N, C-alpha and C. Protein backbone atom coordinates (compact mmCIF):
# COMPACT_ATOMS: atom_id res chain seq x y z
N MET A 1 -19.34 -52.30 -8.85
CA MET A 1 -20.45 -52.32 -7.60
C MET A 1 -20.21 -53.71 -6.82
N VAL A 2 -20.33 -53.76 -5.56
CA VAL A 2 -20.10 -54.72 -4.72
C VAL A 2 -21.40 -55.57 -4.33
N HIS A 3 -21.08 -56.80 -4.11
CA HIS A 3 -22.33 -57.57 -3.86
C HIS A 3 -22.74 -57.33 -2.34
N PRO A 4 -24.13 -57.76 -2.04
CA PRO A 4 -24.83 -57.33 -0.82
C PRO A 4 -24.01 -57.93 0.38
N TYR A 5 -23.88 -57.13 1.25
CA TYR A 5 -23.29 -57.54 2.71
C TYR A 5 -21.62 -57.73 2.52
N PHE A 6 -21.01 -56.80 1.32
CA PHE A 6 -19.79 -57.01 1.04
C PHE A 6 -19.09 -56.22 2.33
N ILE A 7 -19.46 -55.17 2.72
CA ILE A 7 -18.91 -54.69 3.73
C ILE A 7 -19.12 -55.22 5.04
N GLU A 8 -20.30 -55.93 5.37
CA GLU A 8 -20.30 -56.75 6.67
C GLU A 8 -19.51 -58.00 6.63
N ASN A 9 -18.96 -58.64 5.47
CA ASN A 9 -18.24 -59.76 5.36
C ASN A 9 -16.70 -59.15 5.48
N SER A 10 -16.79 -58.00 5.01
CA SER A 10 -15.24 -57.63 5.03
C SER A 10 -15.06 -57.52 6.41
N PHE A 11 -16.05 -56.79 7.32
CA PHE A 11 -15.71 -56.89 8.72
C PHE A 11 -15.66 -58.14 9.95
N LEU A 12 -16.48 -58.89 9.20
CA LEU A 12 -16.26 -60.35 9.71
C LEU A 12 -15.10 -60.83 9.52
N SER A 13 -14.44 -60.77 8.33
CA SER A 13 -13.19 -61.45 7.98
C SER A 13 -11.97 -60.91 9.07
N ILE A 14 -12.35 -59.30 9.21
CA ILE A 14 -11.16 -58.79 10.05
C ILE A 14 -11.50 -59.20 11.62
N VAL A 15 -12.78 -59.62 12.21
CA VAL A 15 -12.90 -59.99 13.38
C VAL A 15 -12.44 -61.43 13.59
N SER A 16 -12.66 -62.21 12.68
CA SER A 16 -12.50 -63.51 12.41
C SER A 16 -10.90 -63.59 12.39
N GLY A 17 -10.41 -62.78 11.67
CA GLY A 17 -8.69 -62.77 11.82
C GLY A 17 -7.90 -62.54 13.10
N ALA A 18 -8.71 -61.58 13.72
CA ALA A 18 -8.15 -61.40 15.18
C ALA A 18 -8.53 -62.41 16.18
N VAL A 19 -9.55 -63.34 16.03
CA VAL A 19 -9.92 -64.61 16.82
C VAL A 19 -8.93 -65.46 16.35
N ALA A 20 -8.60 -65.81 14.86
CA ALA A 20 -7.66 -66.89 14.53
C ALA A 20 -6.17 -66.51 15.05
N LEU A 21 -5.65 -65.17 15.21
CA LEU A 21 -4.51 -64.82 15.75
C LEU A 21 -4.56 -65.06 17.36
N ALA A 22 -5.63 -64.89 17.93
CA ALA A 22 -5.82 -65.37 19.46
C ALA A 22 -5.61 -66.82 19.70
N VAL A 23 -6.50 -67.83 18.74
CA VAL A 23 -6.05 -69.04 18.84
C VAL A 23 -4.55 -69.35 18.56
N SER A 24 -4.01 -68.58 17.62
CA SER A 24 -2.73 -69.03 17.40
C SER A 24 -1.65 -68.45 18.69
N TYR A 25 -1.97 -67.50 19.30
CA TYR A 25 -1.06 -67.03 20.31
C TYR A 25 -1.46 -68.01 21.52
N TYR A 26 -2.60 -68.34 21.85
CA TYR A 26 -2.82 -69.43 22.99
C TYR A 26 -2.45 -70.96 22.74
N ALA A 27 -2.38 -71.23 21.30
CA ALA A 27 -2.17 -72.60 21.03
C ALA A 27 -0.07 -72.28 21.16
N PHE A 28 0.47 -71.50 21.11
CA PHE A 28 1.92 -71.26 20.82
C PHE A 28 1.92 -71.35 22.55
N ARG A 29 1.38 -70.25 23.24
CA ARG A 29 1.64 -70.33 24.37
C ARG A 29 1.39 -71.71 25.52
N TYR A 30 0.49 -72.72 25.14
CA TYR A 30 0.10 -73.44 25.83
C TYR A 30 0.74 -74.85 25.36
N ARG A 31 1.25 -74.81 24.27
CA ARG A 31 1.96 -75.87 23.49
C ARG A 31 3.00 -76.70 24.33
N ARG A 32 3.79 -76.06 25.18
CA ARG A 32 4.88 -76.72 26.25
C ARG A 32 4.08 -77.22 27.23
N VAL A 33 3.04 -76.65 27.74
CA VAL A 33 2.48 -76.94 28.98
C VAL A 33 1.88 -78.15 28.75
N THR A 34 1.11 -78.61 27.71
CA THR A 34 0.36 -79.45 27.26
C THR A 34 1.31 -80.72 26.57
N GLY A 35 2.47 -80.23 26.07
CA GLY A 35 3.22 -81.36 25.43
C GLY A 35 2.49 -81.78 23.93
N SER A 36 1.80 -81.00 23.17
CA SER A 36 0.77 -80.92 22.33
C SER A 36 1.54 -80.69 20.91
N ASN A 37 1.80 -81.73 20.03
CA ASN A 37 2.33 -81.29 18.67
C ASN A 37 1.04 -80.68 17.88
N PHE A 38 -0.11 -81.14 18.15
CA PHE A 38 -1.25 -80.54 17.41
C PHE A 38 -1.25 -79.16 17.69
N LEU A 39 -1.09 -78.82 19.01
CA LEU A 39 -1.33 -77.24 19.31
C LEU A 39 -0.14 -76.44 18.35
N ARG A 40 0.91 -77.00 18.38
CA ARG A 40 1.85 -76.47 17.67
C ARG A 40 1.71 -76.08 16.17
N LEU A 41 0.97 -77.05 15.30
CA LEU A 41 0.74 -77.04 14.11
C LEU A 41 -0.60 -75.98 14.16
N LEU A 42 -1.44 -76.38 15.23
CA LEU A 42 -2.61 -75.32 15.25
C LEU A 42 -2.51 -73.87 15.25
N SER A 43 -1.31 -73.58 15.80
CA SER A 43 -0.66 -72.27 16.04
C SER A 43 -0.17 -71.59 14.72
N VAL A 44 0.59 -72.41 13.98
CA VAL A 44 1.03 -72.11 12.76
C VAL A 44 0.11 -71.89 11.61
N GLY A 45 -1.30 -73.06 11.84
CA GLY A 45 -2.03 -72.77 10.69
C GLY A 45 -3.05 -71.51 11.03
N PHE A 46 -3.26 -71.24 12.27
CA PHE A 46 -4.17 -70.09 12.44
C PHE A 46 -3.59 -68.69 12.26
N MET A 47 -2.15 -69.03 12.45
CA MET A 47 -1.27 -67.48 12.16
C MET A 47 -1.62 -67.23 10.93
N LEU A 48 -1.43 -68.33 9.61
CA LEU A 48 -1.74 -68.18 8.34
C LEU A 48 -3.21 -67.67 8.32
N LEU A 49 -3.98 -68.13 8.95
CA LEU A 49 -5.50 -68.08 8.79
C LEU A 49 -5.57 -66.46 9.15
N GLY A 50 -4.94 -66.25 10.20
CA GLY A 50 -5.63 -64.67 10.97
C GLY A 50 -4.84 -63.90 9.93
N VAL A 51 -3.59 -63.69 9.74
CA VAL A 51 -2.96 -62.78 8.60
C VAL A 51 -3.38 -62.63 7.50
N GLY A 52 -3.94 -64.01 6.76
CA GLY A 52 -4.71 -63.64 5.74
C GLY A 52 -6.21 -63.29 5.68
N LEU A 53 -6.89 -63.36 6.64
CA LEU A 53 -8.02 -62.78 7.06
C LEU A 53 -8.05 -61.39 7.51
N LEU A 54 -7.01 -60.87 8.14
CA LEU A 54 -6.86 -59.46 8.32
C LEU A 54 -6.65 -58.72 6.77
N ALA A 55 -5.78 -59.32 6.25
CA ALA A 55 -5.30 -58.70 5.11
C ALA A 55 -6.41 -58.71 3.78
N GLN A 56 -7.26 -59.86 3.94
CA GLN A 56 -8.14 -59.72 3.04
C GLN A 56 -9.45 -58.85 3.40
N GLY A 57 -9.85 -59.07 4.81
CA GLY A 57 -10.60 -57.77 5.19
C GLY A 57 -10.39 -56.50 4.86
N SER A 58 -9.00 -56.13 5.29
CA SER A 58 -8.55 -54.74 5.24
C SER A 58 -8.73 -54.30 3.41
N ILE A 59 -8.39 -55.20 2.75
CA ILE A 59 -8.58 -54.83 1.04
C ILE A 59 -9.83 -54.90 0.88
N TYR A 60 -10.63 -55.60 1.24
CA TYR A 60 -12.00 -55.43 1.16
C TYR A 60 -12.70 -54.07 1.44
N GLN A 61 -12.26 -53.71 2.69
CA GLN A 61 -12.69 -52.50 3.10
C GLN A 61 -12.15 -51.22 2.30
N LEU A 62 -10.86 -51.37 1.72
CA LEU A 62 -10.19 -50.33 0.68
C LEU A 62 -11.07 -50.29 -0.25
N ALA A 63 -11.38 -51.51 -1.06
CA ALA A 63 -12.34 -51.68 -2.24
C ALA A 63 -13.45 -51.16 -2.02
N ALA A 64 -14.53 -51.66 -1.00
CA ALA A 64 -15.57 -51.13 -0.81
C ALA A 64 -15.82 -49.45 -0.66
N PHE A 65 -14.78 -48.97 -0.04
CA PHE A 65 -14.89 -47.49 0.20
C PHE A 65 -14.05 -46.89 -0.94
N ASN A 66 -13.49 -47.41 -1.82
CA ASN A 66 -12.74 -46.92 -2.82
C ASN A 66 -11.55 -46.13 -2.39
N VAL A 67 -10.90 -46.37 -1.17
CA VAL A 67 -9.96 -45.73 -0.61
C VAL A 67 -8.57 -45.87 -1.55
N GLY A 68 -8.03 -44.67 -2.03
CA GLY A 68 -6.88 -45.15 -3.11
C GLY A 68 -7.07 -44.90 -4.31
N ARG A 69 -8.38 -45.04 -4.55
CA ARG A 69 -9.27 -44.99 -5.86
C ARG A 69 -8.53 -45.97 -6.95
N PHE A 70 -8.65 -47.39 -6.78
CA PHE A 70 -8.16 -48.15 -7.43
C PHE A 70 -8.85 -48.31 -8.76
N ALA A 71 -8.03 -48.49 -9.70
CA ALA A 71 -8.57 -48.50 -11.05
C ALA A 71 -9.56 -49.66 -11.41
N ASN A 72 -9.02 -50.83 -10.71
CA ASN A 72 -9.75 -52.01 -10.97
C ASN A 72 -10.14 -52.62 -9.58
N ARG A 73 -11.20 -52.40 -8.85
CA ARG A 73 -11.38 -52.88 -7.65
C ARG A 73 -11.83 -54.47 -7.76
N GLN A 74 -12.35 -54.91 -8.75
CA GLN A 74 -12.92 -56.41 -8.80
C GLN A 74 -11.60 -57.22 -9.12
N ALA A 75 -10.51 -56.60 -9.86
CA ALA A 75 -9.30 -57.51 -9.82
C ALA A 75 -8.37 -57.51 -8.50
N LEU A 76 -8.64 -56.33 -7.54
CA LEU A 76 -7.95 -56.38 -6.27
C LEU A 76 -8.66 -57.46 -5.34
N VAL A 77 -10.07 -57.33 -5.55
CA VAL A 77 -10.65 -58.15 -4.54
C VAL A 77 -10.62 -59.74 -5.04
N TYR A 78 -10.41 -59.87 -6.23
CA TYR A 78 -10.17 -61.56 -6.64
C TYR A 78 -8.76 -61.73 -6.15
N GLY A 79 -7.89 -60.85 -6.25
CA GLY A 79 -6.31 -61.35 -5.94
C GLY A 79 -6.47 -61.45 -4.45
N ALA A 80 -7.12 -60.68 -3.42
CA ALA A 80 -7.06 -60.90 -2.16
C ALA A 80 -7.76 -62.18 -1.69
N THR A 81 -8.83 -62.50 -2.66
CA THR A 81 -9.30 -63.80 -2.36
C THR A 81 -8.58 -64.92 -2.74
N GLY A 82 -7.74 -64.76 -3.85
CA GLY A 82 -6.69 -65.71 -4.09
C GLY A 82 -5.82 -66.05 -3.20
N VAL A 83 -5.03 -64.93 -2.78
CA VAL A 83 -4.05 -65.20 -1.97
C VAL A 83 -4.38 -65.77 -0.45
N TYR A 84 -5.80 -65.44 -0.14
CA TYR A 84 -6.51 -66.05 1.21
C TYR A 84 -6.59 -67.64 1.12
N LEU A 85 -7.05 -67.87 -0.22
CA LEU A 85 -7.28 -69.50 -0.60
C LEU A 85 -5.74 -70.15 -0.43
N VAL A 86 -4.64 -69.47 -0.97
CA VAL A 86 -3.43 -70.25 -0.76
C VAL A 86 -3.14 -70.38 0.67
N LEU A 87 -3.20 -69.27 1.45
CA LEU A 87 -2.89 -69.47 2.73
C LEU A 87 -3.65 -70.51 3.58
N GLN A 88 -5.09 -70.32 3.21
CA GLN A 88 -6.05 -71.43 3.87
C GLN A 88 -5.82 -72.74 3.45
N SER A 89 -5.26 -72.86 2.08
CA SER A 89 -4.68 -74.52 2.02
C SER A 89 -3.72 -74.89 2.38
N ALA A 90 -2.26 -74.10 2.70
CA ALA A 90 -1.60 -74.32 3.66
C ALA A 90 -2.04 -74.80 5.17
N ALA A 91 -2.75 -73.67 5.55
CA ALA A 91 -3.12 -73.92 7.30
C ALA A 91 -4.09 -75.08 7.24
N TYR A 92 -4.90 -75.38 6.70
CA TYR A 92 -5.64 -76.66 6.74
C TYR A 92 -5.02 -77.71 6.67
N LEU A 93 -4.09 -77.64 5.74
CA LEU A 93 -3.56 -79.00 5.61
C LEU A 93 -2.41 -79.29 6.58
N LEU A 94 -1.89 -78.25 7.36
CA LEU A 94 -0.96 -78.24 8.52
C LEU A 94 -1.87 -78.72 9.72
N ILE A 95 -3.16 -78.11 9.82
CA ILE A 95 -4.13 -78.54 10.97
C ILE A 95 -4.37 -80.05 10.96
N GLY A 96 -5.07 -80.32 9.61
CA GLY A 96 -5.27 -81.42 9.15
C GLY A 96 -4.43 -82.51 9.52
N THR A 97 -2.87 -82.36 9.15
CA THR A 97 -1.87 -83.36 9.35
C THR A 97 -1.72 -83.49 10.75
N GLY A 98 -1.75 -82.30 11.57
CA GLY A 98 -1.36 -82.45 13.26
C GLY A 98 -2.69 -83.23 13.71
N TYR A 99 -3.89 -83.11 13.31
CA TYR A 99 -5.11 -83.69 13.95
C TYR A 99 -4.88 -85.24 13.61
N THR A 100 -4.56 -85.35 12.39
CA THR A 100 -4.47 -86.76 12.31
C THR A 100 -3.66 -87.77 12.99
N ILE A 101 -2.17 -87.06 13.15
CA ILE A 101 -1.19 -87.40 14.07
C ILE A 101 -1.76 -87.79 15.50
N ARG A 102 -2.45 -86.69 15.96
CA ARG A 102 -3.09 -86.80 17.18
C ARG A 102 -4.17 -88.12 17.41
N VAL A 103 -5.09 -88.24 16.40
CA VAL A 103 -5.99 -88.97 16.41
C VAL A 103 -5.51 -90.42 16.43
N GLN A 104 -4.48 -90.65 15.17
CA GLN A 104 -3.96 -91.92 15.10
C GLN A 104 -2.72 -92.25 15.83
N ARG A 105 -2.04 -91.35 16.67
CA ARG A 105 -1.10 -91.65 17.44
C ARG A 105 0.43 -91.89 16.40
N GLY A 106 0.33 -91.41 15.35
CA GLY A 106 1.43 -91.68 14.36
C GLY A 106 2.60 -90.99 14.79
N GLU A 107 3.72 -90.98 13.88
CA GLU A 107 4.77 -90.18 13.82
C GLU A 107 4.76 -88.71 13.58
N PRO A 108 5.60 -87.90 14.10
CA PRO A 108 5.50 -86.63 13.63
C PRO A 108 5.70 -86.30 12.11
N SER A 109 5.02 -85.46 11.59
CA SER A 109 5.30 -85.10 10.34
C SER A 109 6.39 -84.19 10.08
N ASN A 110 7.13 -84.13 8.95
CA ASN A 110 8.25 -83.19 8.66
C ASN A 110 7.72 -81.78 8.15
N GLY A 111 6.24 -81.84 7.70
CA GLY A 111 5.69 -80.50 7.28
C GLY A 111 6.04 -80.10 6.00
N ASN A 112 6.53 -80.98 5.20
CA ASN A 112 6.96 -80.55 3.89
C ASN A 112 5.71 -80.60 2.74
N GLY A 113 4.65 -81.20 3.12
CA GLY A 113 3.57 -81.44 2.32
C GLY A 113 3.11 -80.07 2.16
N SER A 114 2.77 -78.93 3.31
CA SER A 114 2.18 -77.89 3.11
C SER A 114 2.64 -76.98 1.93
N THR A 115 4.02 -76.95 1.95
CA THR A 115 4.40 -75.98 1.01
C THR A 115 4.54 -76.47 -0.26
N ALA A 116 4.30 -77.81 -0.67
CA ALA A 116 4.02 -78.18 -1.91
C ALA A 116 2.51 -78.05 -2.38
N PHE A 117 1.43 -78.15 -1.42
CA PHE A 117 0.29 -77.66 -1.74
C PHE A 117 0.16 -76.34 -2.02
N ALA A 118 0.90 -75.48 -1.26
CA ALA A 118 0.46 -73.91 -1.57
C ALA A 118 0.90 -73.58 -2.93
N VAL A 119 2.20 -74.08 -3.46
CA VAL A 119 2.64 -73.91 -4.80
C VAL A 119 1.69 -74.49 -5.62
N LEU A 120 1.06 -75.58 -5.51
CA LEU A 120 0.02 -76.11 -6.36
C LEU A 120 -0.94 -75.11 -6.64
N ALA A 121 -1.47 -74.36 -5.33
CA ALA A 121 -2.61 -73.51 -5.16
C ALA A 121 -2.42 -72.45 -5.99
N THR A 122 -1.35 -72.05 -6.30
CA THR A 122 -1.05 -70.70 -6.74
C THR A 122 -1.79 -70.43 -7.99
N PRO A 123 -2.07 -71.19 -8.86
CA PRO A 123 -3.04 -70.88 -10.11
C PRO A 123 -4.41 -70.39 -9.58
N LEU A 124 -4.85 -70.70 -8.23
CA LEU A 124 -6.07 -70.18 -7.68
C LEU A 124 -6.37 -68.74 -7.70
N LEU A 125 -5.40 -67.93 -8.16
CA LEU A 125 -5.40 -66.30 -8.12
C LEU A 125 -6.59 -65.97 -9.21
N PHE A 126 -6.61 -66.68 -10.12
CA PHE A 126 -7.34 -65.80 -11.25
C PHE A 126 -8.65 -66.46 -11.66
N GLY A 127 -9.64 -65.79 -11.55
CA GLY A 127 -11.16 -66.16 -12.25
C GLY A 127 -12.17 -66.59 -11.32
N THR A 128 -13.31 -66.24 -11.15
CA THR A 128 -14.17 -66.66 -10.47
C THR A 128 -14.48 -68.30 -10.31
N LEU A 129 -14.55 -68.97 -11.48
CA LEU A 129 -14.58 -70.42 -11.43
C LEU A 129 -13.40 -70.95 -10.83
N VAL A 130 -11.98 -70.63 -11.12
CA VAL A 130 -11.00 -71.13 -10.27
C VAL A 130 -11.07 -70.83 -8.83
N LEU A 131 -11.42 -69.66 -8.43
CA LEU A 131 -11.70 -69.45 -7.17
C LEU A 131 -12.76 -70.38 -6.34
N ASP A 132 -13.88 -70.63 -7.02
CA ASP A 132 -14.65 -71.62 -6.78
C ASP A 132 -14.03 -73.03 -6.56
N ALA A 133 -13.26 -73.67 -7.48
CA ALA A 133 -12.60 -74.90 -7.40
C ALA A 133 -11.41 -74.59 -5.99
N GLY A 134 -10.98 -73.39 -5.99
CA GLY A 134 -9.87 -73.49 -4.53
C GLY A 134 -11.00 -73.48 -3.31
N GLU A 135 -12.06 -72.84 -3.48
CA GLU A 135 -12.78 -73.04 -2.29
C GLU A 135 -13.44 -74.49 -1.87
N LEU A 136 -13.58 -75.31 -3.04
CA LEU A 136 -14.02 -76.72 -3.00
C LEU A 136 -12.90 -77.59 -2.24
N ILE A 137 -11.77 -77.17 -2.86
CA ILE A 137 -10.36 -77.79 -2.19
C ILE A 137 -10.46 -77.71 -0.94
N ILE A 138 -10.47 -76.20 -0.34
CA ILE A 138 -10.48 -75.96 1.17
C ILE A 138 -11.44 -76.78 1.70
N LEU A 139 -13.01 -76.84 1.30
CA LEU A 139 -13.85 -77.71 1.85
C LEU A 139 -13.62 -79.11 2.07
N VAL A 140 -12.94 -79.77 1.26
CA VAL A 140 -12.42 -81.16 1.09
C VAL A 140 -11.43 -81.04 2.20
N LEU A 141 -10.42 -80.31 2.46
CA LEU A 141 -9.57 -80.32 3.54
C LEU A 141 -10.10 -80.09 4.95
N VAL A 142 -11.20 -79.23 5.03
CA VAL A 142 -11.63 -79.22 6.14
C VAL A 142 -12.78 -80.46 6.78
N SER A 143 -13.24 -80.77 5.73
CA SER A 143 -13.96 -82.02 5.74
C SER A 143 -13.31 -83.16 6.28
N PHE A 144 -12.16 -83.26 5.81
CA PHE A 144 -11.04 -84.34 6.22
C PHE A 144 -10.88 -84.10 7.97
N VAL A 145 -10.64 -82.82 8.22
CA VAL A 145 -10.44 -82.54 9.62
C VAL A 145 -11.73 -82.97 10.57
N VAL A 146 -12.93 -82.51 9.91
CA VAL A 146 -14.04 -83.00 10.66
C VAL A 146 -14.19 -84.37 10.99
N PHE A 147 -13.82 -85.17 9.71
CA PHE A 147 -13.67 -86.68 9.97
C PHE A 147 -13.01 -87.06 11.13
N GLN A 148 -11.84 -86.68 11.11
CA GLN A 148 -10.74 -86.90 12.06
C GLN A 148 -11.63 -86.47 13.50
N GLY A 149 -12.06 -85.55 13.65
CA GLY A 149 -12.55 -84.98 14.91
C GLY A 149 -13.84 -85.98 15.20
N ALA A 150 -14.69 -86.16 14.40
CA ALA A 150 -15.69 -87.28 14.69
C ALA A 150 -15.17 -88.50 15.32
N MET A 151 -14.07 -88.89 14.67
CA MET A 151 -13.47 -90.32 15.13
C MET A 151 -12.98 -90.21 16.58
N ALA A 152 -12.34 -89.15 16.78
CA ALA A 152 -11.75 -88.69 18.23
C ALA A 152 -12.83 -88.59 19.13
N TYR A 153 -13.85 -87.73 18.90
CA TYR A 153 -15.25 -87.67 19.58
C TYR A 153 -15.65 -89.16 19.82
N SER A 154 -15.81 -90.10 19.09
CA SER A 154 -16.54 -91.22 19.21
C SER A 154 -15.47 -92.12 20.26
N GLU A 155 -14.46 -91.91 20.23
CA GLU A 155 -13.43 -92.48 21.36
C GLU A 155 -13.53 -91.86 22.80
N GLN A 156 -13.12 -90.47 22.72
CA GLN A 156 -13.12 -89.85 23.95
C GLN A 156 -14.13 -89.50 24.81
N LYS A 157 -15.25 -88.89 23.85
CA LYS A 157 -16.53 -88.38 24.50
C LYS A 157 -16.43 -87.37 25.52
N ASN A 158 -15.41 -86.52 25.05
CA ASN A 158 -15.26 -85.50 26.19
C ASN A 158 -15.43 -83.93 25.72
N ARG A 159 -15.69 -82.92 26.73
CA ARG A 159 -16.15 -81.74 25.97
C ARG A 159 -15.08 -80.90 25.04
N LEU A 160 -13.68 -81.23 25.17
CA LEU A 160 -12.74 -80.79 24.66
C LEU A 160 -12.65 -81.18 23.03
N SER A 161 -13.02 -82.48 22.92
CA SER A 161 -13.07 -83.20 21.43
C SER A 161 -14.21 -82.82 20.95
N LEU A 162 -15.32 -82.66 21.68
CA LEU A 162 -16.65 -81.82 21.04
C LEU A 162 -16.39 -80.62 20.60
N TYR A 163 -15.45 -79.71 21.29
CA TYR A 163 -15.46 -78.31 20.77
C TYR A 163 -14.67 -78.23 19.47
N VAL A 164 -13.83 -79.08 19.48
CA VAL A 164 -12.85 -79.38 18.26
C VAL A 164 -13.66 -79.76 17.25
N LEU A 165 -14.62 -80.93 17.22
CA LEU A 165 -15.51 -81.22 16.34
C LEU A 165 -16.37 -80.30 15.84
N LEU A 166 -17.04 -79.73 16.62
CA LEU A 166 -18.37 -78.50 16.27
C LEU A 166 -17.55 -77.56 15.66
N ALA A 167 -16.59 -77.17 16.15
CA ALA A 167 -15.52 -75.83 15.64
C ALA A 167 -15.31 -75.95 13.77
N PHE A 168 -14.96 -77.20 13.63
CA PHE A 168 -14.45 -77.54 12.49
C PHE A 168 -15.92 -78.04 11.44
N ALA A 169 -16.77 -78.49 12.12
CA ALA A 169 -18.18 -78.78 11.47
C ALA A 169 -18.51 -77.28 10.94
N LEU A 170 -18.41 -76.29 11.79
CA LEU A 170 -19.03 -75.03 11.47
C LEU A 170 -18.19 -74.27 10.49
N ILE A 171 -16.62 -74.65 10.50
CA ILE A 171 -15.68 -73.91 9.49
C ILE A 171 -16.16 -74.65 7.86
N ALA A 172 -16.37 -76.06 8.17
CA ALA A 172 -16.62 -76.57 6.92
C ALA A 172 -18.01 -76.14 6.33
N LEU A 173 -19.10 -75.80 7.19
CA LEU A 173 -20.46 -75.22 6.65
C LEU A 173 -20.05 -73.91 6.18
N SER A 174 -19.23 -73.09 6.80
CA SER A 174 -18.84 -71.77 6.33
C SER A 174 -18.48 -71.73 4.81
N HIS A 175 -17.51 -72.63 4.52
CA HIS A 175 -17.06 -72.75 3.10
C HIS A 175 -18.10 -73.44 2.12
N LEU A 176 -18.64 -74.31 2.60
CA LEU A 176 -19.77 -75.10 1.67
C LEU A 176 -20.91 -73.59 1.46
N GLY A 177 -21.17 -73.15 2.28
CA GLY A 177 -22.06 -71.65 2.29
C GLY A 177 -21.40 -70.58 1.28
N GLU A 178 -20.10 -70.55 1.36
CA GLU A 178 -19.30 -69.56 0.41
C GLU A 178 -19.49 -70.15 -1.05
N LEU A 179 -19.33 -71.37 -0.91
CA LEU A 179 -18.98 -71.94 -2.37
C LEU A 179 -20.46 -71.79 -3.07
N LEU A 180 -21.53 -72.15 -2.37
CA LEU A 180 -23.14 -72.11 -2.58
C LEU A 180 -23.23 -70.69 -3.09
N ALA A 181 -22.54 -69.53 -2.21
CA ALA A 181 -23.09 -68.31 -2.31
C ALA A 181 -22.55 -67.89 -3.77
N SER A 182 -21.51 -68.20 -4.22
CA SER A 182 -20.64 -67.92 -5.39
C SER A 182 -21.40 -68.51 -6.65
N LEU A 183 -21.73 -69.62 -6.34
CA LEU A 183 -22.56 -70.52 -7.50
C LEU A 183 -23.90 -69.75 -7.67
N LEU A 184 -24.23 -69.18 -6.80
CA LEU A 184 -25.95 -68.70 -6.58
C LEU A 184 -26.05 -67.43 -6.57
N ALA A 185 -24.76 -66.96 -6.65
CA ALA A 185 -24.69 -64.99 -6.31
C ALA A 185 -25.66 -64.76 -5.07
N SER A 186 -25.47 -65.49 -4.03
CA SER A 186 -26.49 -65.15 -3.01
C SER A 186 -25.44 -64.19 -1.74
N GLY A 187 -25.64 -63.03 -1.56
CA GLY A 187 -25.15 -62.50 -0.41
C GLY A 187 -25.60 -62.82 0.94
N ASP A 188 -26.85 -63.28 1.00
CA ASP A 188 -27.10 -64.09 2.29
C ASP A 188 -26.29 -65.03 2.76
N LEU A 189 -25.88 -66.08 1.82
CA LEU A 189 -25.16 -67.28 2.07
C LEU A 189 -23.65 -66.67 2.44
N TYR A 190 -22.89 -65.97 1.89
CA TYR A 190 -21.69 -65.08 2.34
C TYR A 190 -21.71 -64.98 3.49
N LEU A 191 -22.87 -64.02 4.23
CA LEU A 191 -22.84 -63.28 5.28
C LEU A 191 -23.00 -64.71 6.39
N LEU A 192 -23.85 -65.88 5.91
CA LEU A 192 -24.11 -66.78 7.12
C LEU A 192 -22.78 -67.61 7.05
N GLY A 193 -21.83 -67.76 5.95
CA GLY A 193 -20.72 -68.41 5.76
C GLY A 193 -19.71 -67.93 6.80
N GLY A 194 -19.76 -66.40 6.74
CA GLY A 194 -18.84 -65.79 7.66
C GLY A 194 -19.13 -65.77 9.04
N VAL A 195 -20.16 -65.92 9.32
CA VAL A 195 -20.85 -65.88 10.84
C VAL A 195 -20.73 -67.31 11.31
N ALA A 196 -20.78 -68.27 10.63
CA ALA A 196 -20.41 -69.80 10.82
C ALA A 196 -18.77 -69.91 11.11
N GLN A 197 -17.99 -69.05 10.41
CA GLN A 197 -16.46 -69.34 10.55
C GLN A 197 -16.14 -68.49 11.74
N LEU A 198 -16.77 -67.56 12.10
CA LEU A 198 -16.64 -66.61 13.29
C LEU A 198 -16.89 -67.74 14.53
N VAL A 199 -18.03 -68.31 14.33
CA VAL A 199 -18.07 -69.04 15.68
C VAL A 199 -17.46 -70.19 15.76
N GLY A 200 -16.82 -70.80 14.71
CA GLY A 200 -16.00 -72.01 14.69
C GLY A 200 -14.93 -71.69 15.24
N PHE A 201 -14.09 -70.40 15.10
CA PHE A 201 -12.80 -69.81 15.35
C PHE A 201 -13.09 -69.73 16.96
N CYS A 202 -14.44 -69.28 17.47
CA CYS A 202 -14.34 -68.92 18.67
C CYS A 202 -14.49 -70.44 19.46
N LEU A 203 -15.09 -71.28 19.14
CA LEU A 203 -14.96 -72.40 19.70
C LEU A 203 -13.52 -73.02 19.92
N LEU A 204 -12.95 -72.99 18.83
CA LEU A 204 -11.54 -73.23 18.87
C LEU A 204 -10.38 -72.52 19.83
N LEU A 205 -10.68 -71.29 19.97
CA LEU A 205 -10.30 -70.56 21.02
C LEU A 205 -10.48 -70.90 22.36
N LEU A 206 -11.69 -71.37 22.58
CA LEU A 206 -12.22 -71.92 23.87
C LEU A 206 -11.55 -72.98 24.03
N PHE A 207 -11.50 -74.16 23.07
CA PHE A 207 -10.83 -75.38 23.28
C PHE A 207 -9.41 -75.21 23.64
N VAL A 208 -8.66 -74.24 23.00
CA VAL A 208 -7.05 -74.11 23.28
C VAL A 208 -7.08 -73.47 24.64
N ILE A 209 -7.68 -72.70 24.96
CA ILE A 209 -7.73 -71.93 26.40
C ILE A 209 -7.97 -72.98 27.76
N ARG A 210 -9.04 -73.96 27.35
CA ARG A 210 -9.27 -74.96 28.15
C ARG A 210 -8.16 -75.93 28.10
N SER A 211 -7.85 -76.40 27.05
CA SER A 211 -6.54 -77.36 26.85
C SER A 211 -5.29 -76.88 27.94
N GLY A 212 -4.99 -75.63 27.66
CA GLY A 212 -4.00 -74.91 28.51
C GLY A 212 -4.08 -75.17 29.97
N ARG A 213 -5.29 -74.66 30.24
CA ARG A 213 -5.73 -74.56 31.79
C ARG A 213 -5.50 -76.07 32.47
N LEU A 214 -6.20 -76.99 31.76
CA LEU A 214 -6.42 -78.19 32.23
C LEU A 214 -4.72 -78.99 32.30
N GLY A 215 -4.06 -78.44 31.28
CA GLY A 215 -2.60 -79.00 31.13
C GLY A 215 -1.68 -78.44 32.31
N SER A 216 -1.80 -77.15 32.56
CA SER A 216 -1.24 -76.73 33.85
C SER A 216 -1.70 -76.76 35.11
N ALA A 217 -2.79 -77.70 35.24
CA ALA A 217 -3.35 -77.83 36.72
C ALA A 217 -2.69 -78.86 37.20
């Protein structure tokens, strides 16, 4: 038996995955126009998020409607959630690295850290408590990006930096909501978390498109 709003959340995952891939596409398209290394890493990160969300949402739909008559739908759902946690870990580490470089104006990263983190995150595939621990790690990573976004906005005070700050703040709230939803067994919090994530992704899509248009003007 699936929890309340399971089907709605799986649909939100698919829509959010499509938006994430749109963010990846436009970030890739405009990276040369703007000369931004952050957009390059954002493109790779959101490609991972988009593929992960589409796969997770599709598997959730298969499990919800028992397409294929899986013997253990709960294990299938845990497995899909765990794999997506690994992808999120790598994606947000990449994005956080890129945004830190952008804010601090430091040297480019060689990107090796994300691979190491993904390997360390592999044990997150099993068990509800372990998945909750994985969600907590993601929340810490996204909160770090929010902190960097707040620093950038405090200096620049422009609309684009505000888009990034609000987007990642909403994404952080979505992960906090999902963590609390798991701990409290609340379907409402799962649904609110999915909506917050989708809105955050849409704000990042707006940021990327506006950045590209300003860079090509």
